[in-house]
Amino acid sequence: MSGVRRHPVQRALKWVGDRVVSLVAVVVLSPVLLVLAGWVLVDAGWPIFFVQRRTGKAGREFRMLKFRSMVNDAVRVGQELGVTADPHGVVKDDPRITRSGRFLRRSSLDELPQLLNVVAGQMSLVGPRPDIPEQVAHYSEHDRRRLEVLPGITGYSQVHGRDEIEWPERIAQDIHYIDTWSLAADIRLVFQTFSTLGRDEPDPVLDTHNIERAREDG
């Protein structure tokens, strides 16, 4: 039995805590959110937010929010520029990332709007990062185990490799998180996340899984 099923009381506390903490954070951080929104608007224009369909718990789709950190229509621009064969990936010194976006990504402040996704019950503060539906469509039965829980703003993979690890290892880490889950583990991951903020942006690993998926869909 996985960790999330062994601890029903802790799961209930997590559900309530996620929403209370996120709602308080939105209120407290509202001046910061407004300043960042204004910077994105002045630097990169409209829209301020990058809104993307993602797959959450039990395969339910939702619209995930981020501050926009790349040029509009980044996938098409990347294909025209030949930036990477991975349609959803980035490369070191990616020319599609805006000036404000580079700071937002390095500081992870681009993820702050997802606090609203948590308040709405679509995400958790901690959990596997949500994939886009096109990627989930190619999940194996083993991979689909990461859909047993709400996706998170941060998670085990975010502090144990992030973009520097390949897809199979990320899946393994997410399943390890689910199997060993406890509220104390979530709290540790939150503190570990804060300790990684401001670090140098890692060199992204080319996701061959995304490339293979794109070829199959093409």
C-alpha atoms as a PDB file:
ATOM      1  CA  MET A   1       0.000   0.000   0.000  1.00  0.00           C
ATOM      2  CA  SER A   2       1.358   3.420  -0.973  1.00  0.00           C
ATOM      3  CA  GLY A   3       2.177   6.076   1.592  1.00  0.00           C
ATOM      4  CA  VAL A   4      -0.743   8.293   0.571  1.00  0.00           C
ATOM      5  CA  ARG A   5      -3.174   5.470   1.373  1.00  0.00           C
ATOM      6  CA  ARG A   6      -1.575   4.565   4.698  1.00  0.00           C
ATOM      7  CA  HIS A   7      -2.123   7.985   6.268  1.00  0.00           C
ATOM      8  CA  PRO A   8      -5.779   9.105   5.870  1.00  0.00           C
ATOM      9  CA  VAL A   9      -5.626  11.646   8.715  1.00  0.00           C
ATOM     10  CA  GLN A  10      -2.425  13.166   7.361  1.00  0.00           C
ATOM     11  CA  ARG A  11      -4.003  13.309   3.888  1.00  0.00           C
ATOM     12  CA  ALA A  12      -6.931  15.283   5.299  1.00  0.00           C
ATOM     13  CA  LEU A  13      -4.553  17.678   7.054  1.00  0.00           C
ATOM     14  CA  LYS A  14      -2.635  18.105   3.787  1.00  0.00           C
ATOM     15  CA  TRP A  15      -5.851  18.874   1.876  1.00  0.00           C
ATOM     16  CA  VAL A  16      -6.883  21.573   4.362  1.00  0.00           C
ATOM     17  CA  GLY A  17      -3.354  22.890   4.873  1.00  0.00           C
ATOM     18  CA  ASP A  18      -2.730  23.273   1.147  1.00  0.00           C
ATOM     19  CA  ARG A  19      -5.704  25.557   0.712  1.00  0.00           C
ATOM     20  CA  VAL A  20      -5.268  27.587   3.887  1.00  0.00           C
ATOM     21  CA  VAL A  21      -1.554  28.177   3.336  1.00  0.00           C
ATOM     22  CA  SER A  22      -2.052  29.004  -0.355  1.00  0.00           C
ATOM     23  CA  LEU A  23      -4.899  31.432   0.300  1.00  0.00           C
ATOM     24  CA  VAL A  24      -2.889  33.220   2.987  1.00  0.00           C
ATOM     25  CA  ALA A  25       0.148  33.294   0.679  1.00  0.00           C
ATOM     26  CA  VAL A  26      -1.881  34.850  -2.162  1.00  0.00           C
ATOM     27  CA  VAL A  27      -3.084  37.611   0.172  1.00  0.00           C
ATOM     28  CA  VAL A  28       0.327  38.257   1.747  1.00  0.00           C
ATOM     29  CA  LEU A  29       2.195  38.102  -1.550  1.00  0.00           C
ATOM     30  CA  SER A  30      -0.348  40.113  -3.546  1.00  0.00           C
ATOM     31  CA  PRO A  31       1.961  43.191  -3.772  1.00  0.00           C
ATOM     32  CA  VAL A  32       4.759  40.971  -5.095  1.00  0.00           C
ATOM     33  CA  LEU A  33       2.395  39.323  -7.569  1.00  0.00           C
ATOM     34  CA  LEU A  34       1.258  42.724  -8.846  1.00  0.00           C
ATOM     35  CA  VAL A  35       4.844  43.957  -9.275  1.00  0.00           C
ATOM     36  CA  LEU A  36       5.863  40.809 -11.145  1.00  0.00           C
ATOM     37  CA  ALA A  37       2.765  41.003 -13.340  1.00  0.00           C
ATOM     38  CA  GLY A  38       3.600  44.620 -14.197  1.00  0.00           C
ATOM     39  CA  TRP A  39       7.190  43.711 -15.046  1.00  0.00           C
ATOM     40  CA  VAL A  40       6.129  40.905 -17.367  1.00  0.00           C
ATOM     41  CA  LEU A  41       3.651  43.239 -19.092  1.00  0.00           C
ATOM     42  CA  VAL A  42       6.236  45.996 -19.634  1.00  0.00           C
ATOM     43  CA  ASP A  43       9.043  43.628 -20.640  1.00  0.00           C
ATOM     44  CA  ALA A  44       7.224  41.020 -22.714  1.00  0.00           C
ATOM     45  CA  GLY A  45       3.763  42.409 -23.393  1.00  0.00           C
ATOM     46  CA  TRP A  46       0.440  40.639 -23.172  1.00  0.00           C
ATOM     47  CA  PRO A  47      -0.496  38.070 -21.947  1.00  0.00           C
ATOM     48  CA  ILE A  48       0.983  38.210 -18.468  1.00  0.00           C
ATOM     49  CA  PHE A  49       0.168  34.601 -17.665  1.00  0.00           C
ATOM     50  CA  PHE A  50       1.083  31.427 -19.479  1.00  0.00           C
ATOM     51  CA  VAL A  51      -1.978  29.203 -19.250  1.00  0.00           C
ATOM     52  CA  GLN A  52      -1.565  25.576 -20.277  1.00  0.00           C
ATOM     53  CA  ARG A  53      -3.676  22.457 -20.077  1.00  0.00           C
ATOM     54  CA  ARG A  54      -2.139  19.981 -17.663  1.00  0.00           C
ATOM     55  CA  THR A  55      -3.205  16.583 -16.358  1.00  0.00           C
ATOM     56  CA  GLY A  56      -3.900  16.216 -12.673  1.00  0.00           C
ATOM     57  CA  LYS A  57      -5.026  13.553 -10.256  1.00  0.00           C
ATOM     58  CA  ALA A  58      -6.877  10.618 -11.859  1.00  0.00           C
ATOM     59  CA  GLY A  59      -6.222  12.086 -15.310  1.00  0.00           C
ATOM     60  CA  ARG A  60      -8.434  15.154 -14.838  1.00  0.00           C
ATOM     61  CA  GLU A  61      -7.297  18.094 -16.959  1.00  0.00           C
ATOM     62  CA  PHE A  62      -7.018  21.652 -15.659  1.00  0.00           C
ATOM     63  CA  ARG A  63      -5.541  24.974 -16.741  1.00  0.00           C
ATOM     64  CA  MET A  64      -2.254  25.597 -14.949  1.00  0.00           C
ATOM     65  CA  LEU A  65      -1.061  29.165 -14.422  1.00  0.00           C
ATOM     66  CA  LYS A  66       2.447  30.585 -14.604  1.00  0.00           C
ATOM     67  CA  PHE A  67       3.903  34.014 -15.182  1.00  0.00           C
ATOM     68  CA  ARG A  68       4.866  34.007 -18.858  1.00  0.00           C
ATOM     69  CA  SER A  69       8.624  33.589 -19.193  1.00  0.00           C
ATOM     70  CA  MET A  70       8.929  32.896 -22.934  1.00  0.00           C
ATOM     71  CA  VAL A  71       7.874  34.634 -26.120  1.00  0.00           C
ATOM     72  CA  ASN A  72       4.352  34.026 -27.375  1.00  0.00           C
ATOM     73  CA  ASP A  73       3.814  30.796 -29.320  1.00  0.00           C
ATOM     74  CA  ALA A  74       7.158  29.476 -28.063  1.00  0.00           C
ATOM     75  CA  VAL A  75       6.718  25.962 -29.502  1.00  0.00           C
ATOM     76  CA  ARG A  76       6.259  27.288 -33.042  1.00  0.00           C
ATOM     77  CA  VAL A  77       9.114  29.799 -32.639  1.00  0.00           C
ATOM     78  CA  GLY A  78      11.356  27.007 -31.358  1.00  0.00           C
ATOM     79  CA  GLN A  79      10.570  24.869 -34.392  1.00  0.00           C
ATOM     80  CA  GLU A  80      11.272  27.756 -36.763  1.00  0.00           C
ATOM     81  CA  LEU A  81      14.576  28.524 -35.048  1.00  0.00           C
ATOM     82  CA  GLY A  82      15.527  24.855 -34.744  1.00  0.00           C
ATOM     83  CA  VAL A  83      16.214  25.382 -31.035  1.00  0.00           C
ATOM     84  CA  THR A  84      15.544  21.773 -29.987  1.00  0.00           C
ATOM     85  CA  ALA A  85      13.919  18.614 -31.291  1.00  0.00           C
ATOM     86  CA  ASP A  86      11.916  18.462 -28.050  1.00  0.00           C
ATOM     87  CA  PRO A  87       8.772  20.535 -28.741  1.00  0.00           C
ATOM     88  CA  HIS A  88       8.161  21.137 -25.034  1.00  0.00           C
ATOM     89  CA  GLY A  89      11.770  21.479 -23.905  1.00  0.00           C
ATOM     90  CA  VAL A  90      14.231  24.302 -23.449  1.00  0.00           C
ATOM     91  CA  VAL A  91      17.958  24.543 -24.003  1.00  0.00           C
ATOM     92  CA  LYS A  92      20.716  26.429 -22.261  1.00  0.00           C
ATOM     93  CA  ASP A  93      20.493  30.153 -23.107  1.00  0.00           C
ATOM     94  CA  ASP A  94      17.216  29.531 -24.913  1.00  0.00           C
ATOM     95  CA  PRO A  95      16.546  32.609 -27.118  1.00  0.00           C
ATOM     96  CA  ARG A  96      12.802  32.285 -26.521  1.00  0.00           C
ATOM     97  CA  ILE A  97      13.117  33.159 -22.821  1.00  0.00           C
ATOM     98  CA  THR A  98      12.427  36.822 -22.127  1.00  0.00           C
ATOM     99  CA  ARG A  99      14.567  39.048 -19.920  1.00  0.00           C
ATOM    100  CA  SER A 100      12.002  39.023 -17.116  1.00  0.00           C
ATOM    101  CA  GLY A 101      11.416  35.327 -17.745  1.00  0.00           C
ATOM    102  CA  ARG A 102      15.047  34.439 -17.137  1.00  0.00           C
ATOM    103  CA  PHE A 103      14.874  35.947 -13.657  1.00  0.00           C
ATOM    104  CA  LEU A 104      11.466  34.420 -12.946  1.00  0.00           C
ATOM    105  CA  ARG A 105      12.664  30.956 -13.941  1.00  0.00           C
ATOM    106  CA  ARG A 106      15.891  31.156 -11.969  1.00  0.00           C
ATOM    107  CA  SER A 107      14.041  32.305  -8.855  1.00  0.00           C
ATOM    108  CA  SER A 108      11.033  30.008  -9.516  1.00  0.00           C
ATOM    109  CA  LEU A 109       8.767  33.037  -9.044  1.00  0.00           C
ATOM    110  CA  ASP A 110       7.082  32.161 -12.336  1.00  0.00           C
ATOM    111  CA  GLU A 111       5.324  29.357 -10.429  1.00  0.00           C
ATOM    112  CA  LEU A 112       3.626  31.657  -7.870  1.00  0.00           C
ATOM    113  CA  PRO A 113       0.301  31.926  -9.774  1.00  0.00           C
ATOM    114  CA  GLN A 114      -0.139  28.187  -9.203  1.00  0.00           C
ATOM    115  CA  LEU A 115      -1.118  29.068  -5.646  1.00  0.00           C
ATOM    116  CA  LEU A 116      -4.507  29.808  -7.240  1.00  0.00           C
ATOM    117  CA  ASN A 117      -4.554  26.292  -8.703  1.00  0.00           C
ATOM    118  CA  VAL A 118      -3.984  24.960  -5.183  1.00  0.00           C
ATOM    119  CA  VAL A 119      -6.791  27.085  -3.751  1.00  0.00           C
ATOM    120  CA  ALA A 120      -9.054  25.708  -6.507  1.00  0.00           C
ATOM    121  CA  GLY A 121      -8.192  22.144  -5.494  1.00  0.00           C
ATOM    122  CA  GLN A 122      -6.451  21.339  -8.789  1.00  0.00           C
ATOM    123  CA  MET A 123      -2.943  21.163  -7.344  1.00  0.00           C
ATOM    124  CA  SER A 124      -1.116  20.682  -4.064  1.00  0.00           C
ATOM    125  CA  LEU A 125       1.847  22.564  -2.661  1.00  0.00           C
ATOM    126  CA  VAL A 126       3.883  19.345  -2.947  1.00  0.00           C
ATOM    127  CA  GLY A 127       3.487  16.548  -5.472  1.00  0.00           C
ATOM    128  CA  PRO A 128       4.663  15.340  -8.883  1.00  0.00           C
ATOM    129  CA  ARG A 129       4.848  18.134 -11.451  1.00  0.00           C
ATOM    130  CA  PRO A 130       1.847  17.964 -13.838  1.00  0.00           C
ATOM    131  CA  ASP A 131       2.416  16.867 -17.413  1.00  0.00           C
ATOM    132  CA  ILE A 132       0.609  18.094 -20.518  1.00  0.00           C
ATOM    133  CA  PRO A 133      -2.133  15.780 -21.880  1.00  0.00           C
ATOM    134  CA  GLU A 134      -0.080  14.942 -24.977  1.00  0.00           C
ATOM    135  CA  GLN A 135       2.630  13.478 -22.761  1.00  0.00           C
ATOM    136  CA  VAL A 136       0.174  11.668 -20.482  1.00  0.00           C
ATOM    137  CA  ALA A 137      -1.382  10.017 -23.537  1.00  0.00           C
ATOM    138  CA  HIS A 138       1.860   8.079 -23.923  1.00  0.00           C
ATOM    139  CA  TYR A 139       2.139   7.010 -20.275  1.00  0.00           C
ATOM    140  CA  SER A 140       2.613   3.329 -19.555  1.00  0.00           C
ATOM    141  CA  GLU A 141       0.547   1.771 -16.762  1.00  0.00           C
ATOM    142  CA  HIS A 142       3.592   2.172 -14.544  1.00  0.00           C
ATOM    143  CA  ASP A 143       3.902   5.860 -15.428  1.00  0.00           C
ATOM    144  CA  ARG A 144       0.224   6.496 -14.656  1.00  0.00           C
ATOM    145  CA  ARG A 145       0.899   5.840 -10.976  1.00  0.00           C
ATOM    146  CA  ARG A 146       2.084   9.445 -10.713  1.00  0.00           C
ATOM    147  CA  LEU A 147      -1.558  10.442 -11.303  1.00  0.00           C
ATOM    148  CA  GLU A 148      -2.609   8.886  -7.981  1.00  0.00           C
ATOM    149  CA  VAL A 149      -2.083  12.199  -6.195  1.00  0.00           C
ATOM    150  CA  LEU A 150      -2.608  15.882  -6.901  1.00  0.00           C
ATOM    151  CA  PRO A 151       0.286  17.428  -8.817  1.00  0.00           C
ATOM    152  CA  GLY A 152       2.420  19.916  -6.928  1.00  0.00           C
ATOM    153  CA  ILE A 153       4.023  23.328  -7.280  1.00  0.00           C
ATOM    154  CA  THR A 154       7.150  21.667  -5.971  1.00  0.00           C
ATOM    155  CA  GLY A 155       7.995  18.027  -5.479  1.00  0.00           C
ATOM    156  CA  TYR A 156      10.607  15.374  -4.922  1.00  0.00           C
ATOM    157  CA  SER A 157      12.074  15.737  -8.417  1.00  0.00           C
ATOM    158  CA  GLN A 158      12.222  19.528  -8.088  1.00  0.00           C
ATOM    159  CA  VAL A 159      14.807  19.239  -5.314  1.00  0.00           C
ATOM    160  CA  HIS A 160      16.500  16.060  -6.550  1.00  0.00           C
ATOM    161  CA  GLY A 161      17.617  16.991 -10.026  1.00  0.00           C
ATOM    162  CA  ARG A 162      14.858  19.067 -11.581  1.00  0.00           C
ATOM    163  CA  ASP A 163      15.651  19.585 -15.307  1.00  0.00           C
ATOM    164  CA  GLU A 164      18.968  17.751 -14.998  1.00  0.00           C
ATOM    165  CA  ILE A 165      17.388  14.282 -14.823  1.00  0.00           C
ATOM    166  CA  GLU A 166      15.829  12.248 -17.602  1.00  0.00           C
ATOM    167  CA  TRP A 167      12.198  11.215 -17.796  1.00  0.00           C
ATOM    168  CA  PRO A 168      12.503   7.589 -16.522  1.00  0.00           C
ATOM    169  CA  GLU A 169      14.359   8.770 -13.415  1.00  0.00           C
ATOM    170  CA  ARG A 170      11.768  11.493 -12.814  1.00  0.00           C
ATOM    171  CA  ILE A 171       8.980   8.922 -12.992  1.00  0.00           C
ATOM    172  CA  ALA A 172      10.861   6.673 -10.558  1.00  0.00           C
ATOM    173  CA  GLN A 173      11.327   9.564  -8.136  1.00  0.00           C
ATOM    174  CA  ASP A 174       7.639  10.516  -8.299  1.00  0.00           C
ATOM    175  CA  ILE A 175       6.537   6.949  -7.579  1.00  0.00           C
ATOM    176  CA  HIS A 176       9.038   6.744  -4.716  1.00  0.00           C
ATOM    177  CA  TYR A 177       7.483   9.937  -3.322  1.00  0.00           C
ATOM    178  CA  ILE A 178       3.976   8.432  -3.525  1.00  0.00           C
ATOM    179  CA  ASP A 179       5.038   5.128  -1.954  1.00  0.00           C
ATOM    180  CA  THR A 180       6.859   6.764   0.955  1.00  0.00           C
ATOM    181  CA  TRP A 181       4.612   9.805   1.407  1.00  0.00           C
ATOM    182  CA  SER A 182       4.011  11.422   4.767  1.00  0.00           C
ATOM    183  CA  LEU A 183       3.127  14.940   5.871  1.00  0.00           C
ATOM    184  CA  ALA A 184       6.566  15.285   7.443  1.00  0.00           C
ATOM    185  CA  ALA A 185       8.167  14.407   4.089  1.00  0.00           C
ATOM    186  CA  ASP A 186       6.135  17.149   2.389  1.00  0.00           C
ATOM    187  CA  ILE A 187       7.278  19.695   4.972  1.00  0.00           C
ATOM    188  CA  ARG A 188      10.912  18.684   4.411  1.00  0.00           C
ATOM    189  CA  LEU A 189      10.476  19.080   0.639  1.00  0.00           C
ATOM    190  CA  VAL A 190       9.064  22.588   1.109  1.00  0.00           C
ATOM    191  CA  PHE A 191      12.111  23.637   3.131  1.00  0.00           C
ATOM    192  CA  GLN A 192      14.444  21.942   0.620  1.00  0.00           C
ATOM    193  CA  THR A 193      12.722  23.865  -2.167  1.00  0.00           C
ATOM    194  CA  PHE A 194      13.442  27.188  -0.475  1.00  0.00           C
ATOM    195  CA  SER A 195      17.080  26.172  -0.099  1.00  0.00           C
ATOM    196  CA  THR A 196      17.395  25.694  -3.876  1.00  0.00           C
ATOM    197  CA  LEU A 197      15.897  29.049  -4.894  1.00  0.00           C
ATOM    198  CA  GLY A 198      18.296  31.383  -6.670  1.00  0.00           C
ATOM    199  CA  ARG A 199      20.675  28.625  -7.703  1.00  0.00           C
ATOM    200  CA  ASP A 200      22.196  28.673 -11.181  1.00  0.00           C
ATOM    201  CA  GLU A 201      19.822  27.421 -13.837  1.00  0.00           C
ATOM    202  CA  PRO A 202      20.750  23.795 -14.638  1.00  0.00           C
ATOM    203  CA  ASP A 203      21.607  22.615 -18.117  1.00  0.00           C
ATOM    204  CA  PRO A 204      18.382  20.940 -19.283  1.00  0.00           C
ATOM    205  CA  VAL A 205      18.606  17.282 -20.286  1.00  0.00           C
ATOM    206  CA  LEU A 206      17.259  16.503 -23.757  1.00  0.00           C
ATOM    207  CA  ASP A 207      14.024  14.587 -23.185  1.00  0.00           C
ATOM    208  CA  THR A 208      14.143  11.839 -25.798  1.00  0.00           C
ATOM    209  CA  HIS A 209      10.715  10.660 -24.664  1.00  0.00           C
ATOM    210  CA  ASN A 210       9.156  13.944 -25.772  1.00  0.00           C
ATOM    211  CA  ILE A 211      10.952  13.743 -29.099  1.00  0.00           C
ATOM    212  CA  GLU A 212       9.748  10.189 -29.710  1.00  0.00           C
ATOM    213  CA  ARG A 213       6.182  11.195 -28.771  1.00  0.00           C
ATOM    214  CA  ALA A 214       6.263  14.126 -31.160  1.00  0.00           C
ATOM    215  CA  ARG A 215       7.433  11.877 -33.990  1.00  0.00           C
ATOM    216  CA  GLU A 216       4.689   9.357 -33.275  1.00  0.00           C
ATOM    217  CA  ASP A 217       2.039  12.093 -33.231  1.00  0.00           C
ATOM    218  CA  GLY A 218       3.458  13.667 -36.386  1.00  0.00           C
END
